[in-house]
Amino acid sequence: ATKPRISDVPPVALFALGAAMSDGANKYGRFNYRDTSVTSSVFYDAITRHLVDWYNGEDYADDSGVHHLAHIMAGCAILLDGTLHNTLIDDRDKRKPQSISRNPTWKNK
C-alpha cells in the first residue's frame, strides 16, 4: 500500500516522457546526465522555456517535434534523478526560501 501506483499515471504521460527522454538520448547519449553533474539552474531555464513556449500556444518543440509538456517532464525527471544519485548541483538561491506563489509579498496592498 505504500508503493507508488504507476497505474495511476496516464499512459500518455509515460509515452510522452519516453519520447522526450529518447530525444535527449539521441542528442547527448543515453543516461548522459548520470556521467556528469546536473545543475538546477540549467534545467530550470530549459523547463521554463518549454513552459513559456507551450503557454504561448506552441505544442511541439521545433527542434525535436516532441510536445513541450513532455520536455518539461523530462527536465523534472532528470532533476529528480540527479537528486537521487547525488549528481545535482543545487544552485538555487536558498538564502531566504519562500513560497512566493502562495505568499504574494510582491502584491500591492
N, C-alpha and C. Protein backbone atom coordinates (compact mmCIF):
# COMPACT_ATOMS: atom_id res chain seq x y z
N ALA A 1 0.82 -1.20 0.00
CA ALA A 1 0.00 0.00 0.00
C ALA A 1 0.86 1.26 0.00
N THR A 2 2.13 1.17 0.38
CA THR A 2 2.98 2.35 0.43
C THR A 2 3.78 2.55 -0.86
N LYS A 3 3.70 1.60 -1.77
CA LYS A 3 4.43 1.73 -3.04
C LYS A 3 3.62 2.59 -4.00
N PRO A 4 4.31 3.43 -4.78
CA PRO A 4 3.56 4.26 -5.75
C PRO A 4 2.91 3.38 -6.81
N ARG A 5 1.71 3.78 -7.18
CA ARG A 5 0.97 3.02 -8.19
C ARG A 5 1.18 3.66 -9.56
N ILE A 6 1.96 3.01 -10.37
CA ILE A 6 2.21 3.51 -11.72
C ILE A 6 0.92 3.48 -12.53
N SER A 7 0.00 2.63 -12.15
CA SER A 7 -1.28 2.55 -12.85
C SER A 7 -2.11 3.83 -12.69
N ASP A 8 -1.73 4.70 -11.76
CA ASP A 8 -2.41 5.99 -11.60
C ASP A 8 -1.90 7.05 -12.56
N VAL A 9 -0.80 6.76 -13.26
CA VAL A 9 -0.23 7.72 -14.20
C VAL A 9 -0.89 7.52 -15.56
N PRO A 10 -1.39 8.60 -16.17
CA PRO A 10 -1.99 8.45 -17.50
C PRO A 10 -0.95 7.91 -18.49
N PRO A 11 -1.30 6.88 -19.24
CA PRO A 11 -0.33 6.30 -20.19
C PRO A 11 0.25 7.32 -21.15
N VAL A 12 -0.51 8.31 -21.57
CA VAL A 12 0.01 9.31 -22.50
C VAL A 12 1.22 10.02 -21.88
N ALA A 13 1.20 10.22 -20.58
CA ALA A 13 2.33 10.88 -19.91
C ALA A 13 3.58 10.02 -19.98
N LEU A 14 3.43 8.73 -19.79
CA LEU A 14 4.58 7.82 -19.86
C LEU A 14 5.19 7.82 -21.26
N PHE A 15 4.33 7.75 -22.27
CA PHE A 15 4.83 7.71 -23.65
C PHE A 15 5.42 9.05 -24.07
N ALA A 16 4.80 10.15 -23.64
CA ALA A 16 5.35 11.47 -23.96
C ALA A 16 6.71 11.67 -23.28
N LEU A 17 6.81 11.26 -22.02
CA LEU A 17 8.08 11.34 -21.32
C LEU A 17 9.13 10.49 -22.02
N GLY A 18 8.74 9.30 -22.45
CA GLY A 18 9.66 8.44 -23.19
C GLY A 18 10.15 9.08 -24.47
N ALA A 19 9.27 9.79 -25.17
CA ALA A 19 9.66 10.48 -26.41
C ALA A 19 10.68 11.57 -26.11
N ALA A 20 10.45 12.35 -25.05
CA ALA A 20 11.38 13.42 -24.70
C ALA A 20 12.72 12.85 -24.24
N MET A 21 12.69 11.80 -23.45
CA MET A 21 13.93 11.19 -22.98
C MET A 21 14.69 10.57 -24.14
N SER A 22 13.99 9.97 -25.11
CA SER A 22 14.65 9.40 -26.28
C SER A 22 15.29 10.49 -27.13
N ASP A 23 14.61 11.64 -27.24
CA ASP A 23 15.20 12.76 -27.98
C ASP A 23 16.51 13.18 -27.32
N GLY A 24 16.52 13.30 -26.01
CA GLY A 24 17.75 13.64 -25.29
C GLY A 24 18.82 12.58 -25.45
N ALA A 25 18.42 11.31 -25.39
CA ALA A 25 19.37 10.22 -25.54
C ALA A 25 20.02 10.24 -26.93
N ASN A 26 19.23 10.55 -27.95
CA ASN A 26 19.77 10.63 -29.31
C ASN A 26 20.73 11.81 -29.46
N LYS A 27 20.45 12.92 -28.77
CA LYS A 27 21.30 14.11 -28.89
C LYS A 27 22.57 14.01 -28.04
N TYR A 28 22.42 13.52 -26.81
CA TYR A 28 23.50 13.61 -25.83
C TYR A 28 24.03 12.26 -25.34
N GLY A 29 23.32 11.18 -25.65
CA GLY A 29 23.70 9.87 -25.15
C GLY A 29 22.74 9.43 -24.04
N ARG A 30 22.46 8.16 -24.03
CA ARG A 30 21.53 7.62 -23.05
C ARG A 30 22.10 7.75 -21.64
N PHE A 31 21.31 8.28 -20.74
CA PHE A 31 21.68 8.48 -19.33
C PHE A 31 22.94 9.33 -19.19
N ASN A 32 23.20 10.22 -20.14
CA ASN A 32 24.39 11.07 -20.09
C ASN A 32 24.42 11.93 -18.82
N TYR A 33 23.26 12.27 -18.32
CA TYR A 33 23.18 13.12 -17.12
C TYR A 33 23.69 12.41 -15.88
N ARG A 34 23.89 11.13 -15.95
CA ARG A 34 24.48 10.40 -14.81
C ARG A 34 26.01 10.40 -14.88
N ASP A 35 26.55 10.72 -16.03
CA ASP A 35 28.01 10.76 -16.19
C ASP A 35 28.59 12.10 -15.74
N THR A 36 27.75 13.10 -15.65
CA THR A 36 28.19 14.43 -15.25
C THR A 36 27.27 14.92 -14.14
N SER A 37 27.44 16.15 -13.77
CA SER A 37 26.53 16.73 -12.79
C SER A 37 25.34 17.35 -13.50
N VAL A 38 24.29 17.56 -12.74
CA VAL A 38 23.06 18.17 -13.22
C VAL A 38 22.89 19.47 -12.44
N THR A 39 22.82 20.59 -13.14
CA THR A 39 22.73 21.89 -12.47
C THR A 39 21.29 22.38 -12.46
N SER A 40 20.81 22.72 -11.29
CA SER A 40 19.41 23.14 -11.12
C SER A 40 19.04 24.27 -12.06
N SER A 41 19.86 25.32 -12.13
CA SER A 41 19.50 26.49 -12.93
C SER A 41 19.42 26.17 -14.42
N VAL A 42 20.27 25.27 -14.90
CA VAL A 42 20.24 24.91 -16.32
C VAL A 42 18.91 24.25 -16.67
N PHE A 43 18.46 23.34 -15.82
CA PHE A 43 17.20 22.66 -16.08
C PHE A 43 15.99 23.55 -15.79
N TYR A 44 16.09 24.41 -14.79
CA TYR A 44 15.03 25.38 -14.53
C TYR A 44 14.82 26.27 -15.76
N ASP A 45 15.92 26.74 -16.33
CA ASP A 45 15.82 27.59 -17.52
C ASP A 45 15.19 26.84 -18.69
N ALA A 46 15.61 25.61 -18.93
CA ALA A 46 15.06 24.81 -20.04
C ALA A 46 13.58 24.52 -19.81
N ILE A 47 13.24 24.13 -18.60
CA ILE A 47 11.84 23.84 -18.27
C ILE A 47 10.98 25.09 -18.48
N THR A 48 11.48 26.23 -18.03
CA THR A 48 10.74 27.48 -18.16
C THR A 48 10.55 27.86 -19.62
N ARG A 49 11.61 27.69 -20.44
CA ARG A 49 11.46 27.99 -21.88
C ARG A 49 10.37 27.13 -22.51
N HIS A 50 10.35 25.84 -22.18
CA HIS A 50 9.32 24.96 -22.74
C HIS A 50 7.94 25.35 -22.24
N LEU A 51 7.84 25.73 -20.98
CA LEU A 51 6.55 26.13 -20.43
C LEU A 51 6.04 27.41 -21.10
N VAL A 52 6.92 28.38 -21.29
CA VAL A 52 6.53 29.63 -21.94
C VAL A 52 6.11 29.37 -23.38
N ASP A 53 6.87 28.57 -24.11
CA ASP A 53 6.50 28.25 -25.50
C ASP A 53 5.15 27.55 -25.55
N TRP A 54 4.93 26.60 -24.66
CA TRP A 54 3.65 25.90 -24.63
C TRP A 54 2.52 26.86 -24.28
N TYR A 55 2.72 27.68 -23.27
CA TYR A 55 1.69 28.61 -22.83
C TYR A 55 1.36 29.64 -23.91
N ASN A 56 2.34 29.95 -24.75
CA ASN A 56 2.11 30.89 -25.85
C ASN A 56 1.50 30.22 -27.08
N GLY A 57 1.08 28.98 -26.93
CA GLY A 57 0.32 28.33 -27.99
C GLY A 57 1.05 27.33 -28.85
N GLU A 58 2.34 27.14 -28.61
CA GLU A 58 3.09 26.16 -29.41
C GLU A 58 3.10 24.83 -28.66
N ASP A 59 2.57 23.79 -29.27
CA ASP A 59 2.50 22.50 -28.59
C ASP A 59 3.80 21.70 -28.69
N TYR A 60 4.42 21.72 -29.85
CA TYR A 60 5.57 20.85 -30.10
C TYR A 60 6.84 21.68 -30.33
N ALA A 61 7.95 21.23 -29.75
CA ALA A 61 9.23 21.91 -29.94
C ALA A 61 9.68 21.78 -31.38
N ASP A 62 10.17 22.87 -31.94
CA ASP A 62 10.60 22.88 -33.34
C ASP A 62 11.73 21.89 -33.61
N ASP A 63 12.68 21.81 -32.70
CA ASP A 63 13.87 21.01 -32.97
C ASP A 63 13.62 19.51 -32.84
N SER A 64 12.73 19.10 -31.94
CA SER A 64 12.54 17.68 -31.68
C SER A 64 11.21 17.12 -32.19
N GLY A 65 10.22 17.99 -32.32
CA GLY A 65 8.89 17.51 -32.66
C GLY A 65 8.18 16.87 -31.48
N VAL A 66 8.78 16.97 -30.30
CA VAL A 66 8.22 16.39 -29.08
C VAL A 66 7.43 17.48 -28.35
N HIS A 67 6.35 17.10 -27.72
CA HIS A 67 5.49 18.04 -27.01
C HIS A 67 6.28 18.77 -25.93
N HIS A 68 6.06 20.07 -25.83
CA HIS A 68 6.75 20.87 -24.81
C HIS A 68 6.50 20.34 -23.40
N LEU A 69 5.29 19.89 -23.12
CA LEU A 69 4.99 19.37 -21.78
C LEU A 69 5.80 18.11 -21.48
N ALA A 70 6.10 17.33 -22.51
CA ALA A 70 6.95 16.14 -22.33
C ALA A 70 8.38 16.55 -22.01
N HIS A 71 8.86 17.61 -22.65
CA HIS A 71 10.21 18.11 -22.34
C HIS A 71 10.27 18.61 -20.90
N ILE A 72 9.20 19.22 -20.43
CA ILE A 72 9.14 19.67 -19.04
C ILE A 72 9.23 18.47 -18.10
N MET A 73 8.46 17.42 -18.39
CA MET A 73 8.52 16.21 -17.56
C MET A 73 9.92 15.61 -17.57
N ALA A 74 10.56 15.61 -18.73
CA ALA A 74 11.92 15.05 -18.83
C ALA A 74 12.89 15.85 -17.98
N GLY A 75 12.80 17.17 -18.03
CA GLY A 75 13.66 18.00 -17.20
C GLY A 75 13.46 17.72 -15.72
N CYS A 76 12.22 17.59 -15.31
CA CYS A 76 11.92 17.28 -13.90
C CYS A 76 12.44 15.89 -13.53
N ALA A 77 12.30 14.94 -14.44
CA ALA A 77 12.79 13.58 -14.18
C ALA A 77 14.30 13.58 -13.99
N ILE A 78 15.01 14.34 -14.79
CA ILE A 78 16.47 14.39 -14.68
C ILE A 78 16.88 15.08 -13.39
N LEU A 79 16.17 16.12 -12.98
CA LEU A 79 16.46 16.76 -11.69
C LEU A 79 16.24 15.78 -10.53
N LEU A 80 15.16 15.02 -10.59
CA LEU A 80 14.91 14.01 -9.55
C LEU A 80 16.00 12.94 -9.54
N ASP A 81 16.41 12.52 -10.74
CA ASP A 81 17.47 11.52 -10.84
C ASP A 81 18.78 12.05 -10.28
N GLY A 82 19.08 13.31 -10.58
CA GLY A 82 20.29 13.92 -10.05
C GLY A 82 20.26 14.01 -8.53
N THR A 83 19.09 14.29 -7.98
CA THR A 83 18.93 14.32 -6.53
C THR A 83 19.18 12.94 -5.93
N LEU A 84 18.59 11.93 -6.54
CA LEU A 84 18.73 10.56 -6.05
C LEU A 84 20.18 10.08 -6.10
N HIS A 85 20.89 10.42 -7.17
CA HIS A 85 22.25 9.92 -7.38
C HIS A 85 23.33 10.89 -6.91
N ASN A 86 22.92 11.94 -6.20
CA ASN A 86 23.87 12.94 -5.68
C ASN A 86 24.73 13.56 -6.77
N THR A 87 24.14 13.78 -7.93
CA THR A 87 24.86 14.46 -9.01
C THR A 87 24.28 15.84 -9.27
N LEU A 88 23.35 16.27 -8.41
CA LEU A 88 22.71 17.57 -8.59
C LEU A 88 23.57 18.68 -8.01
N ILE A 89 23.87 19.67 -8.83
CA ILE A 89 24.48 20.90 -8.34
C ILE A 89 23.31 21.84 -8.08
N ASP A 90 22.98 21.99 -6.82
CA ASP A 90 21.81 22.75 -6.42
C ASP A 90 22.21 24.22 -6.25
N ASP A 91 22.08 24.97 -7.32
CA ASP A 91 22.49 26.38 -7.28
C ASP A 91 21.29 27.32 -7.11
N ARG A 92 20.22 26.78 -6.51
CA ARG A 92 19.07 27.64 -6.21
C ARG A 92 19.45 28.64 -5.11
N ASP A 93 18.81 29.77 -5.13
CA ASP A 93 19.05 30.77 -4.09
C ASP A 93 18.23 30.38 -2.87
N LYS A 94 18.92 29.88 -1.84
CA LYS A 94 18.23 29.42 -0.64
C LYS A 94 18.51 30.31 0.57
N ARG A 95 18.94 31.54 0.28
CA ARG A 95 19.23 32.44 1.41
C ARG A 95 17.99 32.69 2.25
N LYS A 96 16.87 32.88 1.62
CA LYS A 96 15.62 33.10 2.32
C LYS A 96 14.54 32.33 1.57
N PRO A 97 14.49 31.01 1.71
CA PRO A 97 13.49 30.24 0.97
C PRO A 97 12.08 30.72 1.32
N GLN A 98 11.29 30.86 0.29
CA GLN A 98 9.90 31.25 0.50
C GLN A 98 9.06 30.77 -0.67
N SER A 99 7.82 30.57 -0.39
CA SER A 99 6.88 30.17 -1.43
C SER A 99 6.16 31.42 -1.92
N ILE A 100 6.79 32.12 -2.86
CA ILE A 100 6.22 33.39 -3.29
C ILE A 100 4.92 33.22 -4.06
N SER A 101 4.70 32.05 -4.66
CA SER A 101 3.46 31.86 -5.41
C SER A 101 2.26 31.74 -4.47
N ARG A 102 2.48 31.31 -3.24
CA ARG A 102 1.38 31.17 -2.28
C ARG A 102 1.44 32.22 -1.19
N ASN A 103 2.48 33.03 -1.18
CA ASN A 103 2.64 34.10 -0.21
C ASN A 103 3.03 35.36 -0.97
N PRO A 104 2.07 35.99 -1.62
CA PRO A 104 2.39 37.07 -2.56
C PRO A 104 2.82 38.36 -1.88
N THR A 105 4.05 38.37 -1.34
CA THR A 105 4.57 39.58 -0.71
C THR A 105 4.84 40.67 -1.74
N TRP A 106 4.93 40.29 -3.00
CA TRP A 106 5.18 41.23 -4.09
C TRP A 106 3.92 41.98 -4.48
N LYS A 107 2.77 41.51 -4.02
CA LYS A 107 1.48 42.06 -4.43
C LYS A 107 1.21 43.40 -3.74
N ASN A 108 0.64 44.33 -4.48
CA ASN A 108 0.26 45.62 -3.90
C ASN A 108 -0.82 45.42 -2.87
N LYS A 109 -0.71 46.14 -1.79
CA LYS A 109 -1.72 46.02 -0.74
C LYS A 109 -2.61 47.22 -0.71
